[in-house]
């Protein structure tokens, strides 16, 4: 099992095989892959709703379905990781920025609503 974002990021980068022959193509490739895989996560959840009726509690999801969703989540994480690398950042830094942002919003009482600059 991995012990850090940094370890995952290094190993994921070692498996990255996509075009980098044009400026920005790596970022575009990873962003498109992230969108695709995020859609696949959503699709698996949609099929859970369709197939399992009205019982949507997490503990009632089959292990098989959970594993399929986790695999898609892992694919999304791979693309997110490589997008971070393409943009000269790290998952740890992005995670910290996100926590800082949501903790600041919570402290100011602006977790509801919309917009990036709440």
PDB file of N, CA and C in Angstrom:
ATOM      1  N   UNK A   1       0.847  -1.175   0.000  1.00  0.00           N
ATOM      2  CA  UNK A   1       0.000   0.000   0.000  1.00  0.00           C
ATOM      3  C   UNK A   1       0.893   1.239   0.000  1.00  0.00           C
ATOM      4  N   UNK A   2       0.467   2.244  -0.739  1.00  0.00           N
ATOM      5  CA  UNK A   2       1.209   3.496  -0.794  1.00  0.00           C
ATOM      6  C   UNK A   2       1.058   4.268   0.509  1.00  0.00           C
ATOM      7  N   UNK A   3       2.095   5.011   0.858  1.00  0.00           N
ATOM      8  CA  UNK A   3       2.040   5.758   2.102  1.00  0.00           C
ATOM      9  C   UNK A   3       1.911   7.262   1.913  1.00  0.00           C
ATOM     10  N   UNK A   4       1.870   7.733   0.653  1.00  0.00           N
ATOM     11  CA  UNK A   4       1.764   9.174   0.460  1.00  0.00           C
ATOM     12  C   UNK A   4       1.341   9.514  -0.958  1.00  0.00           C
ATOM     13  N   UNK A   5       0.856  10.746  -1.116  1.00  0.00           N
ATOM     14  CA  UNK A   5       0.569  11.259  -2.449  1.00  0.00           C
ATOM     15  C   UNK A   5       1.835  11.269  -3.295  1.00  0.00           C
ATOM     16  N   UNK A   6       2.949  11.638  -2.675  1.00  0.00           N
ATOM     17  CA  UNK A   6       4.201  11.740  -3.424  1.00  0.00           C
ATOM     18  C   UNK A   6       4.604  10.386  -4.008  1.00  0.00           C
ATOM     19  N   UNK A   7       4.450   9.328  -3.230  1.00  0.00           N
ATOM     20  CA  UNK A   7       4.797   7.995  -3.722  1.00  0.00           C
ATOM     21  C   UNK A   7       3.887   7.601  -4.878  1.00  0.00           C
ATOM     22  N   UNK A   8       2.597   7.877  -4.738  1.00  0.00           N
ATOM     23  CA  UNK A   8       1.667   7.577  -5.827  1.00  0.00           C
ATOM     24  C   UNK A   8       2.024   8.381  -7.068  1.00  0.00           C
ATOM     25  N   UNK A   9       2.282   9.663  -6.878  1.00  0.00           N
ATOM     26  CA  UNK A   9       2.570  10.532  -8.009  1.00  0.00           C
ATOM     27  C   UNK A   9       3.807  10.040  -8.775  1.00  0.00           C
ATOM     28  N   UNK A  10       4.833   9.644  -8.071  1.00  0.00           N
ATOM     29  CA  UNK A  10       6.050   9.168  -8.726  1.00  0.00           C
ATOM     30  C   UNK A  10       5.775   7.876  -9.508  1.00  0.00           C
ATOM     31  N   UNK A  11       5.041   6.956  -8.912  1.00  0.00           N
ATOM     32  CA  UNK A  11       4.747   5.696  -9.606  1.00  0.00           C
ATOM     33  C   UNK A  11       3.793   5.904 -10.772  1.00  0.00           C
ATOM     34  N   UNK A  12       2.801   6.762 -10.593  1.00  0.00           N
ATOM     35  CA  UNK A  12       1.857   7.029 -11.687  1.00  0.00           C
ATOM     36  C   UNK A  12       2.576   7.663 -12.865  1.00  0.00           C
ATOM     37  N   UNK A  13       3.498   8.564 -12.599  1.00  0.00           N
ATOM     38  CA  UNK A  13       4.224   9.213 -13.681  1.00  0.00           C
ATOM     39  C   UNK A  13       5.036   8.190 -14.479  1.00  0.00           C
ATOM     40  N   UNK A  14       5.530   7.187 -13.787  1.00  0.00           N
ATOM     41  CA  UNK A  14       6.304   6.150 -14.469  1.00  0.00           C
ATOM     42  C   UNK A  14       5.481   5.325 -15.447  1.00  0.00           C
ATOM     43  N   UNK A  15       4.160   5.362 -15.305  1.00  0.00           N
ATOM     44  CA  UNK A  15       3.288   4.609 -16.213  1.00  0.00           C
ATOM     45  C   UNK A  15       2.680   5.484 -17.302  1.00  0.00           C
ATOM     46  N   UNK A  16       2.993   6.782 -17.283  1.00  0.00           N
ATOM     47  CA  UNK A  16       2.372   7.728 -18.228  1.00  0.00           C
ATOM     48  C   UNK A  16       2.966   7.555 -19.628  1.00  0.00           C
ATOM     49  N   UNK A  17       2.105   7.219 -20.565  1.00  0.00           N
ATOM     50  CA  UNK A  17       2.489   7.072 -21.966  1.00  0.00           C
ATOM     51  C   UNK A  17       1.475   7.827 -22.808  1.00  0.00           C
ATOM     52  N   UNK A  18       1.749   9.096 -23.070  1.00  0.00           N
ATOM     53  CA  UNK A  18       0.877   9.899 -23.913  1.00  0.00           C
ATOM     54  C   UNK A  18       1.724  10.954 -24.612  1.00  0.00           C
ATOM     55  N   UNK A  19       1.184  11.544 -25.668  1.00  0.00           N
ATOM     56  CA  UNK A  19       1.969  12.498 -26.452  1.00  0.00           C
ATOM     57  C   UNK A  19       2.367  13.734 -25.645  1.00  0.00           C
ATOM     58  N   UNK A  20       3.584  14.152 -25.841  1.00  0.00           N
ATOM     59  CA  UNK A  20       4.077  15.384 -25.231  1.00  0.00           C
ATOM     60  C   UNK A  20       4.856  16.206 -26.258  1.00  0.00           C
ATOM     61  N   UNK A  21       4.528  16.000 -27.526  1.00  0.00           N
ATOM     62  CA  UNK A  21       5.306  16.612 -28.595  1.00  0.00           C
ATOM     63  C   UNK A  21       4.912  18.051 -28.915  1.00  0.00           C
ATOM     64  N   UNK A  22       3.794  18.526 -28.378  1.00  0.00           N
ATOM     65  CA  UNK A  22       3.350  19.903 -28.593  1.00  0.00           C
ATOM     66  C   UNK A  22       3.173  20.584 -27.246  1.00  0.00           C
ATOM     67  N   UNK A  23       3.457  21.868 -27.163  1.00  0.00           N
ATOM     68  CA  UNK A  23       3.253  22.568 -25.892  1.00  0.00           C
ATOM     69  C   UNK A  23       1.802  22.448 -25.420  1.00  0.00           C
ATOM     70  N   UNK A  24       1.635  22.056 -24.169  1.00  0.00           N
ATOM     71  CA  UNK A  24       0.307  21.970 -23.570  1.00  0.00           C
ATOM     72  C   UNK A  24      -0.467  20.706 -23.882  1.00  0.00           C
ATOM     73  N   UNK A  25       0.028  19.867 -24.796  1.00  0.00           N
ATOM     74  CA  UNK A  25      -0.733  18.674 -25.182  1.00  0.00           C
ATOM     75  C   UNK A  25      -0.890  17.704 -24.009  1.00  0.00           C
ATOM     76  N   UNK A  26       0.113  17.616 -23.144  1.00  0.00           N
ATOM     77  CA  UNK A  26       0.013  16.738 -21.975  1.00  0.00           C
ATOM     78  C   UNK A  26      -1.083  17.185 -21.027  1.00  0.00           C
ATOM     79  N   UNK A  27      -1.191  18.508 -20.811  1.00  0.00           N
ATOM     80  CA  UNK A  27      -2.261  19.018 -19.947  1.00  0.00           C
ATOM     81  C   UNK A  27      -3.627  18.718 -20.551  1.00  0.00           C
ATOM     82  N   UNK A  28      -3.765  18.976 -21.844  1.00  0.00           N
ATOM     83  CA  UNK A  28      -5.043  18.727 -22.510  1.00  0.00           C
ATOM     84  C   UNK A  28      -5.403  17.247 -22.455  1.00  0.00           C
ATOM     85  N   UNK A  29      -4.440  16.378 -22.762  1.00  0.00           N
ATOM     86  CA  UNK A  29      -4.670  14.936 -22.736  1.00  0.00           C
ATOM     87  C   UNK A  29      -5.151  14.499 -21.352  1.00  0.00           C
ATOM     88  N   UNK A  30      -4.454  14.959 -20.308  1.00  0.00           N
ATOM     89  CA  UNK A  30      -4.816  14.553 -18.945  1.00  0.00           C
ATOM     90  C   UNK A  30      -6.166  15.128 -18.533  1.00  0.00           C
ATOM     91  N   UNK A  31      -6.461  16.370 -18.897  1.00  0.00           N
ATOM     92  CA  UNK A  31      -7.751  16.963 -18.551  1.00  0.00           C
ATOM     93  C   UNK A  31      -8.893  16.221 -19.234  1.00  0.00           C
ATOM     94  N   UNK A  32      -8.699  15.861 -20.498  1.00  0.00           N
ATOM     95  CA  UNK A  32      -9.738  15.100 -21.207  1.00  0.00           C
ATOM     96  C   UNK A  32      -9.919  13.719 -20.588  1.00  0.00           C
ATOM     97  N   UNK A  33      -8.824  13.081 -20.220  1.00  0.00           N
ATOM     98  CA  UNK A  33      -8.910  11.777 -19.562  1.00  0.00           C
ATOM     99  C   UNK A  33      -9.607  11.869 -18.217  1.00  0.00           C
ATOM    100  N   UNK A  34      -9.319  12.946 -17.461  1.00  0.00           N
ATOM    101  CA  UNK A  34      -9.968  13.146 -16.172  1.00  0.00           C
ATOM    102  C   UNK A  34     -11.473  13.320 -16.352  1.00  0.00           C
ATOM    103  N   UNK A  35     -11.873  14.093 -17.342  1.00  0.00           N
ATOM    104  CA  UNK A  35     -13.299  14.285 -17.603  1.00  0.00           C
ATOM    105  C   UNK A  35     -13.960  12.968 -17.983  1.00  0.00           C
ATOM    106  N   UNK A  36     -13.290  12.205 -18.827  1.00  0.00           N
ATOM    107  CA  UNK A  36     -13.839  10.910 -19.254  1.00  0.00           C
ATOM    108  C   UNK A  36     -14.013   9.966 -18.067  1.00  0.00           C
ATOM    109  N   UNK A  37     -12.984   9.837 -17.257  1.00  0.00           N
ATOM    110  CA  UNK A  37     -13.045   8.895 -16.136  1.00  0.00           C
ATOM    111  C   UNK A  37     -14.030   9.360 -15.064  1.00  0.00           C
ATOM    112  N   UNK A  38     -14.138  10.670 -14.855  1.00  0.00           N
ATOM    113  CA  UNK A  38     -15.136  11.188 -13.912  1.00  0.00           C
ATOM    114  C   UNK A  38     -16.535  10.835 -14.389  1.00  0.00           C
ATOM    115  N   UNK A  39     -16.737  10.926 -15.701  1.00  0.00           N
ATOM    116  CA  UNK A  39     -18.022  10.527 -16.273  1.00  0.00           C
ATOM    117  C   UNK A  39     -18.290   9.050 -16.071  1.00  0.00           C
ATOM    118  N   UNK A  40     -17.252   8.235 -16.135  1.00  0.00           N
ATOM    119  CA  UNK A  40     -17.444   6.803 -15.914  1.00  0.00           C
ATOM    120  C   UNK A  40     -17.816   6.509 -14.460  1.00  0.00           C
ATOM    121  N   UNK A  41     -17.247   7.261 -13.511  1.00  0.00           N
ATOM    122  CA  UNK A  41     -17.658   7.118 -12.112  1.00  0.00           C
ATOM    123  C   UNK A  41     -19.142   7.454 -11.992  1.00  0.00           C
ATOM    124  N   UNK A  42     -19.530   8.586 -12.573  1.00  0.00           N
ATOM    125  CA  UNK A  42     -20.932   9.005 -12.528  1.00  0.00           C
ATOM    126  C   UNK A  42     -21.833   7.971 -13.194  1.00  0.00           C
ATOM    127  N   UNK A  43     -21.378   7.398 -14.297  1.00  0.00           N
ATOM    128  CA  UNK A  43     -22.166   6.385 -14.995  1.00  0.00           C
ATOM    129  C   UNK A  43     -22.390   5.141 -14.164  1.00  0.00           C
ATOM    130  N   UNK A  44     -21.356   4.712 -13.438  1.00  0.00           N
ATOM    131  CA  UNK A  44     -21.506   3.536 -12.570  1.00  0.00           C
ATOM    132  C   UNK A  44     -22.516   3.828 -11.450  1.00  0.00           C
ATOM    133  N   UNK A  45     -22.470   5.035 -10.909  1.00  0.00           N
ATOM    134  CA  UNK A  45     -23.430   5.403  -9.868  1.00  0.00           C
ATOM    135  C   UNK A  45     -24.838   5.506 -10.438  1.00  0.00           C
ATOM    136  N   UNK A  46     -24.966   6.034 -11.651  1.00  0.00           N
ATOM    137  CA  UNK A  46     -26.279   6.125 -12.304  1.00  0.00           C
ATOM    138  C   UNK A  46     -26.872   4.735 -12.483  1.00  0.00           C
ATOM    139  N   UNK A  47     -26.055   3.786 -12.895  1.00  0.00           N
ATOM    140  CA  UNK A  47     -26.550   2.419 -13.089  1.00  0.00           C
ATOM    141  C   UNK A  47     -26.933   1.778 -11.763  1.00  0.00           C
ATOM    142  N   UNK A  48     -26.268   2.148 -10.691  1.00  0.00           N
ATOM    143  CA  UNK A  48     -26.649   1.667  -9.360  1.00  0.00           C
ATOM    144  C   UNK A  48     -28.064   2.158  -9.039  1.00  0.00           C
ATOM    145  N   UNK A  49     -28.327   3.439  -9.308  1.00  0.00           N
ATOM    146  CA  UNK A  49     -29.661   3.987  -9.078  1.00  0.00           C
ATOM    147  C   UNK A  49     -30.687   3.256  -9.944  1.00  0.00           C
ATOM    148  N   UNK A  50     -30.361   3.081 -11.208  1.00  0.00           N
ATOM    149  CA  UNK A  50     -31.279   2.425 -12.135  1.00  0.00           C
ATOM    150  C   UNK A  50     -31.554   0.981 -11.725  1.00  0.00           C
ATOM    151  N   UNK A  51     -30.514   0.249 -11.394  1.00  0.00           N
ATOM    152  CA  UNK A  51     -30.645  -1.193 -11.169  1.00  0.00           C
ATOM    153  C   UNK A  51     -31.119  -1.561  -9.773  1.00  0.00           C
ATOM    154  N   UNK A  52     -30.836  -0.722  -8.789  1.00  0.00           N
ATOM    155  CA  UNK A  52     -31.135  -1.091  -7.408  1.00  0.00           C
ATOM    156  C   UNK A  52     -32.320  -0.347  -6.822  1.00  0.00           C
ATOM    157  N   UNK A  53     -33.070   0.353  -7.643  1.00  0.00           N
ATOM    158  CA  UNK A  53     -34.308   0.974  -7.186  1.00  0.00           C
ATOM    159  C   UNK A  53     -34.111   2.102  -6.215  1.00  0.00           C
ATOM    160  N   UNK A  54     -34.689   1.966  -5.036  1.00  0.00           N
ATOM    161  CA  UNK A  54     -34.726   3.083  -4.090  1.00  0.00           C
ATOM    162  C   UNK A  54     -33.828   2.907  -2.880  1.00  0.00           C
ATOM    163  N   UNK A  55     -33.052   1.853  -2.815  1.00  0.00           N
ATOM    164  CA  UNK A  55     -32.209   1.598  -1.651  1.00  0.00           C
ATOM    165  C   UNK A  55     -30.797   2.104  -1.936  1.00  0.00           C
ATOM    166  N   UNK A  56     -30.552   3.378  -1.652  1.00  0.00           N
ATOM    167  CA  UNK A  56     -29.295   4.004  -2.066  1.00  0.00           C
ATOM    168  C   UNK A  56     -28.295   4.185  -0.937  1.00  0.00           C
ATOM    169  N   UNK A  57     -28.472   3.482   0.140  1.00  0.00           N
ATOM    170  CA  UNK A  57     -27.511   3.589   1.223  1.00  0.00           C
ATOM    171  C   UNK A  57     -26.218   2.889   0.820  1.00  0.00           C
ATOM    172  N   UNK A  58     -25.080   3.514   1.133  1.00  0.00           N
ATOM    173  CA  UNK A  58     -23.777   2.983   0.758  1.00  0.00           C
ATOM    174  C   UNK A  58     -23.593   1.541   1.224  1.00  0.00           C
ATOM    175  N   UNK A  59     -24.075   1.236   2.432  1.00  0.00           N
ATOM    176  CA  UNK A  59     -23.857  -0.118   2.946  1.00  0.00           C
ATOM    177  C   UNK A  59     -24.650  -1.170   2.182  1.00  0.00           C
ATOM    178  N   UNK A  60     -25.607  -0.731   1.357  1.00  0.00           N
ATOM    179  CA  UNK A  60     -26.380  -1.683   0.564  1.00  0.00           C
ATOM    180  C   UNK A  60     -25.832  -1.858  -0.854  1.00  0.00           C
ATOM    181  N   UNK A  61     -24.741  -1.206  -1.170  1.00  0.00           N
ATOM    182  CA  UNK A  61     -24.121  -1.369  -2.478  1.00  0.00           C
ATOM    183  C   UNK A  61     -23.316  -2.669  -2.478  1.00  0.00           C
ATOM    184  N   UNK A  62     -23.449  -3.447  -3.534  1.00  0.00           N
ATOM    185  CA  UNK A  62     -22.715  -4.708  -3.603  1.00  0.00           C
ATOM    186  C   UNK A  62     -21.213  -4.439  -3.675  1.00  0.00           C
ATOM    187  N   UNK A  63     -20.449  -5.384  -3.163  1.00  0.00           N
ATOM    188  CA  UNK A  63     -18.989  -5.262  -3.225  1.00  0.00           C
ATOM    189  C   UNK A  63     -18.504  -5.202  -4.665  1.00  0.00           C
ATOM    190  N   UNK A  64     -19.156  -5.941  -5.548  1.00  0.00           N
ATOM    191  CA  UNK A  64     -18.782  -5.927  -6.960  1.00  0.00           C
ATOM    192  C   UNK A  64     -18.965  -4.527  -7.558  1.00  0.00           C
ATOM    193  N   UNK A  65     -20.093  -3.909  -7.281  1.00  0.00           N
ATOM    194  CA  UNK A  65     -20.353  -2.571  -7.813  1.00  0.00           C
ATOM    195  C   UNK A  65     -19.384  -1.559  -7.206  1.00  0.00           C
ATOM    196  N   UNK A  66     -19.136  -1.655  -5.909  1.00  0.00           N
ATOM    197  CA  UNK A  66     -18.188  -0.754  -5.254  1.00  0.00           C
ATOM    198  C   UNK A  66     -16.811  -0.866  -5.903  1.00  0.00           C
ATOM    199  N   UNK A  67     -16.381  -2.086  -6.182  1.00  0.00           N
ATOM    200  CA  UNK A  67     -15.062  -2.287  -6.792  1.00  0.00           C
ATOM    201  C   UNK A  67     -14.992  -1.657  -8.186  1.00  0.00           C
ATOM    202  N   UNK A  68     -16.054  -1.787  -8.964  1.00  0.00           N
ATOM    203  CA  UNK A  68     -16.089  -1.159 -10.290  1.00  0.00           C
ATOM    204  C   UNK A  68     -15.957   0.360 -10.180  1.00  0.00           C
ATOM    205  N   UNK A  69     -16.649   0.940  -9.211  1.00  0.00           N
ATOM    206  CA  UNK A  69     -16.585   2.389  -9.009  1.00  0.00           C
ATOM    207  C   UNK A  69     -15.192   2.794  -8.533  1.00  0.00           C
ATOM    208  N   UNK A  70     -14.631   2.038  -7.614  1.00  0.00           N
ATOM    209  CA  UNK A  70     -13.281   2.342  -7.126  1.00  0.00           C
ATOM    210  C   UNK A  70     -12.257   2.297  -8.260  1.00  0.00           C
ATOM    211  N   UNK A  71     -12.409   1.348  -9.163  1.00  0.00           N
ATOM    212  CA  UNK A  71     -11.476   1.270 -10.298  1.00  0.00           C
ATOM    213  C   UNK A  71     -11.565   2.518 -11.160  1.00  0.00           C
ATOM    214  N   UNK A  72     -12.771   2.995 -11.404  1.00  0.00           N
ATOM    215  CA  UNK A  72     -12.935   4.229 -12.192  1.00  0.00           C
ATOM    216  C   UNK A  72     -12.390   5.429 -11.423  1.00  0.00           C
ATOM    217  N   UNK A  73     -12.583   5.446 -10.114  1.00  0.00           N
ATOM    218  CA  UNK A  73     -12.025   6.519  -9.299  1.00  0.00           C
ATOM    219  C   UNK A  73     -10.492   6.511  -9.384  1.00  0.00           C
ATOM    220  N   UNK A  74      -9.917   5.340  -9.396  1.00  0.00           N
ATOM    221  CA  UNK A  74      -8.468   5.232  -9.534  1.00  0.00           C
ATOM    222  C   UNK A  74      -7.988   5.762 -10.869  1.00  0.00           C
ATOM    223  N   UNK A  75      -8.745   5.473 -11.934  1.00  0.00           N
ATOM    224  CA  UNK A  75      -8.381   6.004 -13.250  1.00  0.00           C
ATOM    225  C   UNK A  75      -8.444   7.533 -13.243  1.00  0.00           C
ATOM    226  N   UNK A  76      -9.488   8.089 -12.607  1.00  0.00           N
ATOM    227  CA  UNK A  76      -9.600   9.549 -12.513  1.00  0.00           C
ATOM    228  C   UNK A  76      -8.425  10.118 -11.722  1.00  0.00           C
ATOM    229  N   UNK A  77      -8.032   9.440 -10.646  1.00  0.00           N
ATOM    230  CA  UNK A  77      -6.900   9.886  -9.846  1.00  0.00           C
ATOM    231  C   UNK A  77      -5.616   9.879 -10.672  1.00  0.00           C
ATOM    232  N   UNK A  78      -5.431   8.877 -11.523  1.00  0.00           N
ATOM    233  CA  UNK A  78      -4.246   8.801 -12.370  1.00  0.00           C
ATOM    234  C   UNK A  78      -4.160  10.024 -13.282  1.00  0.00           C
ATOM    235  N   UNK A  79      -5.270  10.361 -13.924  1.00  0.00           N
ATOM    236  CA  UNK A  79      -5.262  11.523 -14.816  1.00  0.00           C
ATOM    237  C   UNK A  79      -5.064  12.817 -14.029  1.00  0.00           C
ATOM    238  N   UNK A  80      -5.696  12.944 -12.862  1.00  0.00           N
ATOM    239  CA  UNK A  80      -5.517  14.128 -12.031  1.00  0.00           C
ATOM    240  C   UNK A  80      -4.053  14.265 -11.617  1.00  0.00           C
ATOM    241  N   UNK A  81      -3.451  13.157 -11.234  1.00  0.00           N
ATOM    242  CA  UNK A  81      -2.050  13.149 -10.837  1.00  0.00           C
ATOM    243  C   UNK A  81      -1.154  13.636 -11.959  1.00  0.00           C
ATOM    244  N   UNK A  82      -1.348  13.098 -13.147  1.00  0.00           N
ATOM    245  CA  UNK A  82      -0.491  13.490 -14.254  1.00  0.00           C
ATOM    246  C   UNK A  82      -0.780  14.907 -14.733  1.00  0.00           C
ATOM    247  N   UNK A  83      -2.017  15.368 -14.580  1.00  0.00           N
ATOM    248  CA  UNK A  83      -2.322  16.766 -14.882  1.00  0.00           C
ATOM    249  C   UNK A  83      -1.568  17.678 -13.914  1.00  0.00           C
ATOM    250  N   UNK A  84      -1.542  17.316 -12.651  1.00  0.00           N
ATOM    251  CA  UNK A  84      -0.787  18.099 -11.668  1.00  0.00           C
ATOM    252  C   UNK A  84       0.688  18.170 -12.059  1.00  0.00           C
ATOM    253  N   UNK A  85       1.251  17.044 -12.458  1.00  0.00           N
ATOM    254  CA  UNK A  85       2.653  17.019 -12.869  1.00  0.00           C
ATOM    255  C   UNK A  85       2.866  17.899 -14.095  1.00  0.00           C
ATOM    256  N   UNK A  86       1.977  17.783 -15.072  1.00  0.00           N
ATOM    257  CA  UNK A  86       2.085  18.601 -16.283  1.00  0.00           C
ATOM    258  C   UNK A  86       2.055  20.096 -15.943  1.00  0.00           C
ATOM    259  N   UNK A  87       1.387  20.440 -14.841  1.00  0.00           N
ATOM    260  CA  UNK A  87       1.262  21.839 -14.436  1.00  0.00           C
ATOM    261  C   UNK A  87       2.265  22.210 -13.341  1.00  0.00           C
ATOM    262  N   UNK A  88       3.288  21.367 -13.178  1.00  0.00           N
ATOM    263  CA  UNK A  88       4.369  21.614 -12.210  1.00  0.00           C
ATOM    264  C   UNK A  88       3.856  21.759 -10.777  1.00  0.00           C
ATOM    265  N   UNK A  89       2.938  20.869 -10.396  1.00  0.00           N
ATOM    266  CA  UNK A  89       2.430  20.868  -9.035  1.00  0.00           C
ATOM    267  C   UNK A  89       2.431  19.438  -8.512  1.00  0.00           C
ATOM    268  N   UNK A  90       1.873  19.260  -7.351  1.00  0.00           N
ATOM    269  CA  UNK A  90       1.806  17.932  -6.748  1.00  0.00           C
ATOM    270  C   UNK A  90       0.421  17.729  -6.160  1.00  0.00           C
ATOM    271  N   UNK A  91       0.046  16.469  -6.001  1.00  0.00           N
ATOM    272  CA  UNK A  91      -1.232  16.163  -5.354  1.00  0.00           C
ATOM    273  C   UNK A  91      -1.256  16.694  -3.928  1.00  0.00           C
ATOM    274  N   UNK A  92      -0.135  16.599  -3.238  1.00  0.00           N
ATOM    275  CA  UNK A  92      -0.087  17.098  -1.862  1.00  0.00           C
ATOM    276  C   UNK A  92      -0.356  18.601  -1.826  1.00  0.00           C
ATOM    277  N   UNK A  93       0.229  19.347  -2.749  1.00  0.00           N
ATOM    278  CA  UNK A  93       0.014  20.792  -2.776  1.00  0.00           C
ATOM    279  C   UNK A  93      -1.431  21.122  -3.133  1.00  0.00           C
ATOM    280  N   UNK A  94      -1.969  20.429  -4.113  1.00  0.00           N
ATOM    281  CA  UNK A  94      -3.362  20.657  -4.516  1.00  0.00           C
ATOM    282  C   UNK A  94      -4.309  20.309  -3.369  1.00  0.00           C
ATOM    283  N   UNK A  95      -4.041  19.197  -2.678  1.00  0.00           N
ATOM    284  CA  UNK A  95      -4.872  18.809  -1.534  1.00  0.00           C
ATOM    285  C   UNK A  95      -4.800  19.873  -0.446  1.00  0.00           C
ATOM    286  N   UNK A  96      -3.611  20.400  -0.180  1.00  0.00           N
ATOM    287  CA  UNK A  96      -3.466  21.432   0.849  1.00  0.00           C
ATOM    288  C   UNK A  96      -4.202  22.708   0.452  1.00  0.00           C
ATOM    289  N   UNK A  97      -4.060  23.144  -0.802  1.00  0.00           N
ATOM    290  CA  UNK A  97      -4.781  24.334  -1.271  1.00  0.00           C
ATOM    291  C   UNK A  97      -6.289  24.151  -1.103  1.00  0.00           C
ATOM    292  N   UNK A  98      -6.770  22.945  -1.450  1.00  0.00           N
ATOM    293  CA  UNK A  98      -8.199  22.692  -1.345  1.00  0.00           C
ATOM    294  C   UNK A  98      -8.671  22.745   0.099  1.00  0.00           C
ATOM    295  N   UNK A  99      -7.920  22.106   1.003  1.00  0.00           N
ATOM    296  CA  UNK A  99      -8.294  22.155   2.415  1.00  0.00           C
ATOM    297  C   UNK A  99      -8.272  23.581   2.948  1.00  0.00           C
ATOM    298  N   UNK A 100      -7.255  24.344   2.576  1.00  0.00           N
ATOM    299  CA  UNK A 100      -7.184  25.741   3.006  1.00  0.00           C
ATOM    300  C   UNK A 100      -8.416  26.508   2.532  1.00  0.00           C
ATOM    301  N   UNK A 101      -8.806  26.280   1.277  1.00  0.00           N
ATOM    302  CA  UNK A 101      -9.954  26.979   0.692  1.00  0.00           C
ATOM    303  C   UNK A 101     -11.235  26.617   1.423  1.00  0.00           C
ATOM    304  N   UNK A 102     -11.503  25.322   1.609  1.00  0.00           N
ATOM    305  CA  UNK A 102     -12.780  24.940   2.225  1.00  0.00           C
ATOM    306  C   UNK A 102     -12.811  25.274   3.711  1.00  0.00           C
ATOM    307  N   UNK A 103     -11.661  25.214   4.389  1.00  0.00           N
ATOM    308  CA  UNK A 103     -11.629  25.610   5.798  1.00  0.00           C
ATOM    309  C   UNK A 103     -11.857  27.115   5.944  1.00  0.00           C
ATOM    310  N   UNK A 104     -11.308  27.906   5.026  1.00  0.00           N
ATOM    311  CA  UNK A 104     -11.537  29.348   5.035  1.00  0.00           C
ATOM    312  C   UNK A 104     -13.014  29.662   4.790  1.00  0.00           C
ATOM    313  N   UNK A 105     -13.624  28.972   3.826  1.00  0.00           N
ATOM    314  CA  UNK A 105     -15.051  29.183   3.559  1.00  0.00           C
ATOM    315  C   UNK A 105     -15.896  28.818   4.771  1.00  0.00           C
ATOM    316  N   UNK A 106     -15.543  27.715   5.415  1.00  0.00           N
ATOM    317  CA  UNK A 106     -16.300  27.294   6.598  1.00  0.00           C
ATOM    318  C   UNK A 106     -16.169  28.329   7.708  1.00  0.00           C
ATOM    319  N   UNK A 107     -14.952  28.823   7.917  1.00  0.00           N
ATOM    320  CA  UNK A 107     -14.720  29.812   8.961  1.00  0.00           C
ATOM    321  C   UNK A 107     -15.491  31.105   8.691  1.00  0.00           C
ATOM    322  N   UNK A 108     -15.653  31.453   7.428  1.00  0.00           N
ATOM    323  CA  UNK A 108     -16.383  32.678   7.065  1.00  0.00           C
ATOM    324  C   UNK A 108     -17.871  32.424   6.862  1.00  0.00           C
ATOM    325  N   UNK A 109     -18.303  31.163   6.984  1.00  0.00           N
ATOM    326  CA  UNK A 109     -19.721  30.838   6.852  1.00  0.00           C
ATOM    327  C   UNK A 109     -20.249  30.959   5.421  1.00  0.00           C
ATOM    328  N   UNK A 110     -19.387  30.662   4.436  1.00  0.00           N
ATOM    329  CA  UNK A 110     -19.816  30.775   3.033  1.00  0.00           C
ATOM    330  C   UNK A 110     -19.634  29.452   2.295  1.00  0.00           C
ATOM    331  N   UNK A 111     -19.973  28.346   2.976  1.00  0.00           N
ATOM    332  CA  UNK A 111     -19.862  27.053   2.309  1.00  0.00           C
ATOM    333  C   UNK A 111     -21.037  26.795   1.374  1.00  0.00           C
ATOM    334  N   UNK A 112     -22.135  27.516   1.544  1.00  0.00           N
ATOM    335  CA  UNK A 112     -23.283  27.367   0.654  1.00  0.00           C
ATOM    336  C   UNK A 112     -23.194  28.404  -0.452  1.00  0.00           C
ATOM    337  N   UNK A 113     -23.912  28.162  -1.506  1.00  0.00           N
ATOM    338  CA  UNK A 113     -23.895  29.102  -2.614  1.00  0.00           C
ATOM    339  C   UNK A 113     -22.973  28.620  -3.713  1.00  0.00           C
ATOM    340  N   UNK A 114     -22.659  29.510  -4.617  1.00  0.00           N
ATOM    341  CA  UNK A 114     -21.805  29.114  -5.721  1.00  0.00           C
ATOM    342  C   UNK A 114     -20.803  30.215  -6.011  1.00  0.00           C
ATOM    343  N   UNK A 115     -19.846  29.874  -6.834  1.00  0.00           N
ATOM    344  CA  UNK A 115     -18.810  30.826  -7.199  1.00  0.00           C
ATOM    345  C   UNK A 115     -17.484  30.448  -6.579  1.00  0.00           C
ATOM    346  N   UNK A 116     -16.424  30.695  -7.311  1.00  0.00           N
ATOM    347  CA  UNK A 116     -15.093  30.357  -6.836  1.00  0.00           C
ATOM    348  C   UNK A 116     -14.607  31.261  -5.712  1.00  0.00           C
ATOM    349  N   UNK A 117     -15.022  32.522  -5.728  1.00  0.00           N
ATOM    350  CA  UNK A 117     -14.496  33.501  -4.780  1.00  0.00           C
ATOM    351  C   UNK A 117     -15.482  33.827  -3.674  1.00  0.00           C
ATOM    352  N   UNK A 118     -15.974  32.783  -3.001  1.00  0.00           N
ATOM    353  CA  UNK A 118     -16.919  33.004  -1.893  1.00  0.00           C
ATOM    354  C   UNK A 118     -16.167  33.358  -0.646  1.00  0.00           C
TER     355      UNK A 118
END
